Protein backbone atom coordinates (compact mmCIF):
# COMPACT_ATOMS: atom_id res chain seq x y z
CA MET A 1 -114.42 -43.77 45.11
CA SER A 2 -117.08 -45.81 43.33
CA HIS A 3 -120.70 -45.08 42.49
CA GLU A 4 -123.45 -45.90 40.03
CA LEU A 5 -124.11 -43.23 37.43
CA THR A 6 -126.85 -41.09 38.93
CA SER A 7 -127.38 -38.10 36.69
CA SER A 8 -125.11 -37.01 33.85
CA PHE A 9 -122.34 -38.92 32.09
CA GLU A 10 -120.98 -35.54 31.01
CA SER A 11 -120.55 -34.27 34.57
CA GLU A 12 -119.78 -37.51 36.41
CA VAL A 13 -117.32 -38.88 33.85
CA ILE A 14 -116.20 -36.38 31.22
CA GLN A 15 -115.88 -33.29 33.42
CA ARG A 16 -114.73 -35.24 36.47
CA SER A 17 -111.93 -36.90 34.46
CA HIS A 18 -110.26 -33.51 34.12
CA GLU A 19 -109.64 -33.72 37.87
CA VAL A 20 -108.98 -37.44 38.35
CA PRO A 21 -108.97 -40.44 35.96
CA VAL A 22 -112.40 -42.08 35.79
CA LEU A 23 -112.88 -45.76 34.97
CA VAL A 24 -116.35 -46.55 33.59
CA ASP A 25 -117.72 -50.06 34.06
CA PHE A 26 -120.46 -50.86 31.55
CA TRP A 27 -122.36 -53.81 33.01
CA ALA A 28 -125.79 -55.42 33.41
CA ASP A 29 -127.59 -57.46 36.09
CA TRP A 30 -128.02 -60.47 33.78
CA CYS A 31 -124.28 -60.58 32.90
CA GLY A 32 -122.53 -63.28 34.97
CA PRO A 33 -118.96 -62.12 34.23
CA CYS A 34 -120.04 -58.57 35.17
CA LEU A 35 -121.19 -59.75 38.58
CA MET A 36 -117.89 -61.54 39.16
CA PHE A 37 -115.82 -58.61 37.88
CA GLY A 38 -117.68 -55.99 39.93
CA PRO A 39 -116.13 -56.88 43.32
CA ILE A 40 -112.65 -56.92 41.76
CA LEU A 41 -113.21 -53.38 40.47
CA GLU A 42 -114.55 -52.28 43.88
CA ARG A 43 -111.53 -53.65 45.74
CA SER A 44 -109.16 -52.09 43.23
CA VAL A 45 -110.66 -48.60 43.42
CA GLU A 46 -110.66 -48.78 47.22
CA ALA A 47 -106.97 -49.75 47.21
CA ALA A 48 -106.22 -46.92 44.76
CA ALA A 49 -106.97 -44.39 47.53
CA GLY A 50 -108.19 -41.67 45.19
CA ARG A 51 -105.76 -42.16 42.32
CA TRP A 52 -108.76 -42.99 40.09
CA GLU A 53 -112.51 -43.28 40.45
CA LEU A 54 -115.04 -45.87 39.31
CA VAL A 55 -118.39 -45.04 37.74
CA LYS A 56 -120.68 -47.99 37.04
CA VAL A 57 -123.14 -47.75 34.15
CA ASN A 58 -125.93 -50.31 34.12
CA THR A 59 -126.65 -50.67 30.41
CA GLU A 60 -130.21 -51.86 31.11
CA ARG A 61 -130.98 -48.56 32.79
CA HIS A 62 -128.91 -46.49 30.34
CA PRO A 63 -129.28 -48.14 26.92
CA ASP A 64 -128.76 -44.75 25.29
CA LEU A 65 -125.26 -44.53 26.76
CA ALA A 66 -124.43 -48.08 25.69
CA GLN A 67 -125.51 -47.24 22.15
CA ARG A 68 -123.74 -43.87 22.10
CA HIS A 69 -120.45 -45.43 23.26
CA GLY A 70 -120.72 -48.45 20.95
CA ILE A 71 -120.82 -51.03 23.75
CA ARG A 72 -121.15 -54.45 22.12
CA SER A 73 -119.83 -56.72 24.86
CA LEU A 74 -120.23 -56.87 28.63
CA PRO A 75 -118.45 -56.17 30.79
CA THR A 76 -116.56 -53.33 29.10
CA ILE A 77 -114.39 -50.90 31.01
CA ARG A 78 -113.19 -47.59 29.62
CA LEU A 79 -110.71 -45.18 31.15
CA PHE A 80 -111.31 -41.46 30.75
CA VAL A 81 -108.52 -38.92 31.29
CA ASN A 82 -108.93 -35.18 30.69
CA GLY A 83 -112.27 -35.71 29.04
CA VAL A 84 -111.10 -38.35 26.57
CA SER A 85 -111.38 -42.15 26.50
CA THR A 86 -107.76 -43.36 26.58
CA ALA A 87 -108.12 -47.14 27.01
CA GLU A 88 -110.71 -49.92 26.79
CA GLN A 89 -110.95 -53.52 27.95
CA LEU A 90 -113.59 -55.98 26.76
CA GLY A 91 -114.37 -58.78 29.17
CA ALA A 92 -113.55 -59.42 32.80
CA LEU A 93 -110.03 -59.49 34.19
CA SER A 94 -108.49 -61.16 37.20
CA GLU A 95 -107.34 -58.96 40.06
CA ALA A 96 -103.74 -59.24 38.86
CA GLY A 97 -104.80 -58.64 35.26
CA LEU A 98 -106.71 -55.51 36.20
CA LYS A 99 -103.72 -54.18 38.13
CA GLN A 100 -101.47 -54.70 35.09
CA TRP A 101 -104.02 -53.03 32.82
CA LEU A 102 -104.33 -50.03 35.13
CA ASP A 103 -100.56 -49.74 35.59
CA ARG A 104 -100.22 -49.64 31.82
CA HIS A 105 -102.93 -47.09 31.14
CA LEU A 106 -103.29 -44.81 34.15
CA PRO A 107 -101.34 -41.55 33.89
CA SER A 108 -98.42 -41.46 36.28
CA ARG A 109 -98.78 -39.56 39.53
CA HIS A 110 -95.37 -38.17 38.67
CA ALA A 111 -96.38 -36.73 35.29
CA ALA A 112 -95.49 -33.16 36.32
CA ALA A 113 -92.11 -34.27 37.69
CA LEU A 114 -91.34 -36.08 34.44
CA VAL A 115 -92.25 -33.00 32.39
CA ALA A 116 -89.87 -30.95 34.54
CA ALA A 117 -87.16 -33.60 34.18
CA GLU A 118 -87.61 -33.61 30.41
CA ALA A 119 -87.03 -29.85 30.41
CA LYS A 120 -83.84 -30.34 32.43
CA LEU A 121 -82.64 -32.96 29.94
CA LYS A 122 -83.26 -30.63 27.00
CA SER A 123 -81.40 -27.82 28.76
CA GLY A 124 -78.35 -30.06 29.22
CA ASP A 125 -78.79 -30.70 32.95
CA PHE A 126 -78.45 -34.45 32.55
CA SER A 127 -77.63 -35.20 36.20
CA THR A 128 -80.83 -33.56 37.48
CA ALA A 129 -82.90 -35.30 34.80
CA SER A 130 -81.41 -38.66 35.77
CA PHE A 131 -81.94 -37.99 39.49
CA SER A 132 -85.59 -37.11 38.83
CA ALA A 133 -86.08 -40.28 36.79
CA ASP A 134 -84.59 -42.33 39.64
CA ALA A 135 -86.97 -40.69 42.11
CA VAL A 136 -89.96 -41.70 39.99
CA LEU A 137 -88.62 -45.23 39.47
CA ALA A 138 -88.18 -45.66 43.22
CA GLU A 139 -91.97 -45.40 43.53
CA GLU A 140 -92.96 -46.75 40.11
CA PRO A 141 -90.26 -49.24 39.00
CA GLY A 142 -92.10 -49.98 35.78
CA ASN A 143 -92.65 -46.37 34.70
CA ASP A 144 -91.60 -46.59 31.05
CA GLN A 145 -91.35 -42.84 30.56
CA ALA A 146 -88.95 -42.55 33.50
CA LEU A 147 -86.88 -45.45 32.15
CA TYR A 148 -86.69 -43.78 28.75
CA LEU A 149 -85.69 -40.46 30.35
CA LYS A 150 -83.00 -42.22 32.40
CA ALA A 151 -81.66 -44.04 29.33
CA ARG A 152 -81.37 -40.77 27.40
CA SER A 153 -79.63 -39.12 30.35
CA ALA A 154 -77.26 -42.07 30.55
CA LEU A 155 -76.31 -41.56 26.91
CA ALA A 156 -74.66 -38.33 28.05
CA LEU A 157 -73.56 -39.39 31.54
CA ASP A 158 -72.65 -43.08 31.22
CA PRO A 159 -73.13 -44.69 27.78
CA ALA A 160 -72.15 -48.08 29.18
CA ALA A 161 -75.35 -48.08 31.27
CA VAL A 162 -77.70 -47.36 28.37
CA VAL A 163 -78.27 -50.94 27.20
CA ALA A 164 -79.39 -52.27 30.59
CA ILE A 165 -81.73 -49.32 31.17
CA ALA A 166 -83.18 -49.42 27.65
CA ASN A 167 -83.74 -53.18 27.91
CA ALA A 168 -85.92 -52.58 30.97
CA ILE A 169 -88.44 -50.59 28.91
CA PRO A 170 -91.42 -52.93 28.32
CA ALA A 171 -91.91 -54.11 24.75
CA SER A 172 -95.53 -52.89 24.93
CA SER A 173 -94.42 -49.34 25.76
CA PRO A 174 -94.58 -46.58 23.13
CA PHE A 175 -91.02 -45.78 24.18
CA SER A 176 -89.81 -49.26 23.30
CA GLU A 177 -89.13 -48.40 19.66
CA LYS A 178 -86.77 -45.65 20.87
CA SER A 179 -84.65 -48.06 22.90
CA GLY A 180 -82.94 -49.55 19.83
CA PRO A 181 -81.56 -46.22 18.55
CA LEU A 182 -80.37 -45.31 22.05
CA LYS A 183 -78.45 -48.58 22.32
CA GLU A 184 -76.88 -48.13 18.88
CA LEU A 185 -75.81 -44.56 19.62
CA ALA A 186 -74.34 -45.71 22.95
CA LYS A 187 -72.23 -48.27 21.06
CA ILE A 188 -70.87 -45.49 18.85
CA LEU A 189 -69.93 -43.41 21.90
CA LEU A 190 -68.25 -46.37 23.58
CA ALA A 191 -66.18 -47.36 20.54
CA PRO A 192 -65.63 -44.32 18.31
CA PRO A 193 -63.52 -44.76 15.15
CA ALA A 194 -59.80 -44.11 15.54
CA GLU A 195 -59.06 -43.65 11.85
CA GLU A 196 -57.03 -40.79 10.43
CA GLY A 197 -58.00 -38.91 7.30
CA LYS A 198 -60.32 -36.16 6.16
CA GLY A 199 -63.24 -37.63 8.07
CA ALA A 200 -61.55 -37.53 11.46
CA ILE A 201 -62.52 -33.98 12.44
CA PRO A 202 -66.22 -34.09 11.48
CA CYS A 203 -66.44 -37.53 13.10
CA ALA A 204 -64.97 -36.22 16.35
CA ASN A 205 -67.39 -33.27 16.23
CA ALA A 206 -70.31 -35.64 15.69
CA ILE A 207 -69.27 -37.91 18.56
CA ALA A 208 -68.97 -34.92 20.89
CA ALA A 209 -72.40 -33.62 19.84
CA ILE A 210 -74.04 -37.02 20.36
CA GLY A 211 -72.45 -37.17 23.80
CA ARG A 212 -74.15 -33.92 24.79
CA LEU A 213 -77.40 -34.88 23.02
CA ASP A 214 -77.07 -31.95 20.62
CA TRP A 215 -78.86 -33.62 17.74
CA ASP A 216 -78.80 -30.64 15.41
CA ALA A 217 -75.01 -30.29 15.68
CA ALA A 218 -74.58 -34.07 15.47
CA CYS A 219 -76.56 -34.26 12.23
CA ALA A 220 -74.65 -31.35 10.72
CA ALA A 221 -71.30 -32.97 11.55
CA LEU A 222 -72.42 -36.39 10.32
CA LEU A 223 -73.62 -34.92 7.04
CA GLU A 224 -70.23 -33.24 6.64
CA LEU A 225 -68.58 -36.59 7.35
CA LEU A 226 -70.84 -38.31 4.84
CA GLU A 227 -69.89 -35.73 2.21
CA ARG A 228 -66.15 -35.94 2.92
CA ASP A 229 -65.76 -39.69 3.42
CA ARG A 230 -68.97 -41.72 3.42
CA HIS A 231 -67.21 -44.96 4.38
CA TYR A 232 -65.27 -43.49 7.32
CA GLY A 233 -65.61 -45.67 10.43
CA TYR A 234 -67.41 -48.42 8.50
CA ASP A 235 -70.12 -46.04 7.24
CA LEU A 236 -70.54 -44.45 10.66
CA ALA A 237 -72.20 -41.29 9.30
CA ALA A 238 -75.06 -43.10 7.59
CA LYS A 239 -75.56 -45.51 10.49
CA ALA A 240 -75.60 -42.76 13.13
CA LEU A 241 -77.90 -40.48 11.13
CA LYS A 242 -80.42 -43.27 10.68
CA GLN A 243 -80.43 -43.92 14.43
CA ILE A 244 -80.86 -40.24 15.28
CA PHE A 245 -83.78 -39.90 12.88
CA LEU A 246 -85.38 -43.02 14.37
CA LEU A 247 -84.89 -41.66 17.88
CA LEU A 248 -86.35 -38.24 17.09
CA GLY A 249 -89.13 -39.43 14.80
CA PRO A 250 -90.12 -38.34 11.28
CA ARG A 251 -91.99 -35.22 12.38
CA ASP A 252 -89.24 -33.75 14.54
CA ALA A 253 -87.89 -30.44 13.23
CA ILE A 254 -84.30 -31.73 13.25
CA THR A 255 -85.29 -34.79 11.22
CA THR A 256 -87.19 -32.74 8.64
CA ARG A 257 -84.29 -30.28 8.41
CA HIS A 258 -81.50 -32.80 7.84
CA GLN A 259 -83.10 -35.89 6.30
CA PRO A 260 -83.47 -34.47 2.75
CA ARG A 261 -79.74 -33.69 2.54
CA PHE A 262 -78.97 -37.12 3.99
CA ALA A 263 -81.02 -38.78 1.25
CA SER A 264 -79.40 -36.59 -1.39
CA LEU A 265 -75.86 -37.42 -0.25
CA LEU A 266 -76.60 -41.09 0.34
CA PHE A 267 -77.94 -41.68 -3.14
CA SER A 268 -75.75 -39.25 -5.10
């Protein structure tokens, strides 16, 4: 659906975006690129069949809105989701360019399914999580969240498949930085150390915990390995811990719990 702003930006954009994503087109009659871009937006919203809506704001008629939203260039499009502006594009796009932009910024229609799949992954039901990711990818092959979920599931189900799945995550995706740690951890699972010695047991425990995505247990075992024999498996403990912390992020509770001891042991 597409329409010119008729009454209230608050009701037609902000409140409406809690129900469906709203794309706002800030434009003007005197703007040549706006007039060329307008039909592209109209065709795109018609093809979207209700997945998002278009509200056009003529900045000549609504200069207050242009000023309030800091519009300095025309055309400018802004996407609103759940009452918040989540993406902006300055200047006109081609039809293909607009499709790529929307694919990158629109929330997935399968958001609820991915949340449920994430819960299955965390509960240890890796097969169901992977199946759910595949179902999303069948409809949205480029869904980066589904690819990331599938790669994490594969770490437990089939480590040999992790690299190919992780490599499919677009470099522009926020999940891209997680693909490196997943690939490194998959390498550890595929070729675990076969050394004897006092590090063998904690190493085996760590490998088993990584294989079931039990990061807390994996960190505990790796810290024990680091304390017993820091060079076991060509410094496996330090390498694996770094990858786990990168995967989880600095604010994760497991990272904040184990990283101080890691730093203490590493530099003692």
